[in-house]
C-alpha atoms as a PDB file:
ATOM      1  CA  UNK A   1      73.200  71.267 107.256  1.00  0.00           C
ATOM      2  CA  UNK A   2      75.895  71.721 104.618  1.00  0.00           C
ATOM      3  CA  UNK A   3      74.406  75.145 103.932  1.00  0.00           C
ATOM      4  CA  UNK A   4      74.998  76.241 107.522  1.00  0.00           C
ATOM      5  CA  UNK A   5      78.554  74.913 107.426  1.00  0.00           C
ATOM      6  CA  UNK A   6      79.432  76.734 104.207  1.00  0.00           C
ATOM      7  CA  UNK A   7      77.872  79.934 105.557  1.00  0.00           C
ATOM      8  CA  UNK A   8      79.981  79.603 108.697  1.00  0.00           C
ATOM      9  CA  UNK A   9      83.129  79.069 106.638  1.00  0.00           C
ATOM     10  CA  UNK A  10      82.363  82.144 104.532  1.00  0.00           C
ATOM     11  CA  UNK A  11      81.787  84.254 107.649  1.00  0.00           C
ATOM     12  CA  UNK A  12      85.025  82.952 109.172  1.00  0.00           C
ATOM     13  CA  UNK A  13      87.045  83.924 106.110  1.00  0.00           C
ATOM     14  CA  UNK A  14      85.458  87.393 106.125  1.00  0.00           C
ATOM     15  CA  UNK A  15      86.418  87.800 109.789  1.00  0.00           C
ATOM     16  CA  UNK A  16      89.972  86.651 109.019  1.00  0.00           C
ATOM     17  CA  UNK A  17      90.286  89.159 106.173  1.00  0.00           C
ATOM     18  CA  UNK A  18      88.910  91.930 108.418  1.00  0.00           C
ATOM     19  CA  UNK A  19      91.339  91.115 111.235  1.00  0.00           C
ATOM     20  CA  UNK A  20      94.312  90.927 108.865  1.00  0.00           C
ATOM     21  CA  UNK A  21      93.289  94.272 107.340  1.00  0.00           C
ATOM     22  CA  UNK A  22      93.065  95.921 110.769  1.00  0.00           C
ATOM     23  CA  UNK A  23      96.417  94.465 111.840  1.00  0.00           C
ATOM     24  CA  UNK A  24      97.948  95.780 108.623  1.00  0.00           C
ATOM     25  CA  UNK A  25      96.718  99.305 109.374  1.00  0.00           C
ATOM     26  CA  UNK A  26      97.977  99.171 112.958  1.00  0.00           C
ATOM     27  CA  UNK A  27     101.431  98.130 111.736  1.00  0.00           C
ATOM     28  CA  UNK A  28     101.437 101.052 109.289  1.00  0.00           C
ATOM     29  CA  UNK A  29     100.808 103.592 112.060  1.00  0.00           C
END
């Protein structure tokens, strides 16, 4: 169970980084 939770947290942080990166590029345009 803890394994699934930690995997979910890791995926969430990757998604957050991806979204922030995309937002950064849009602001630069």
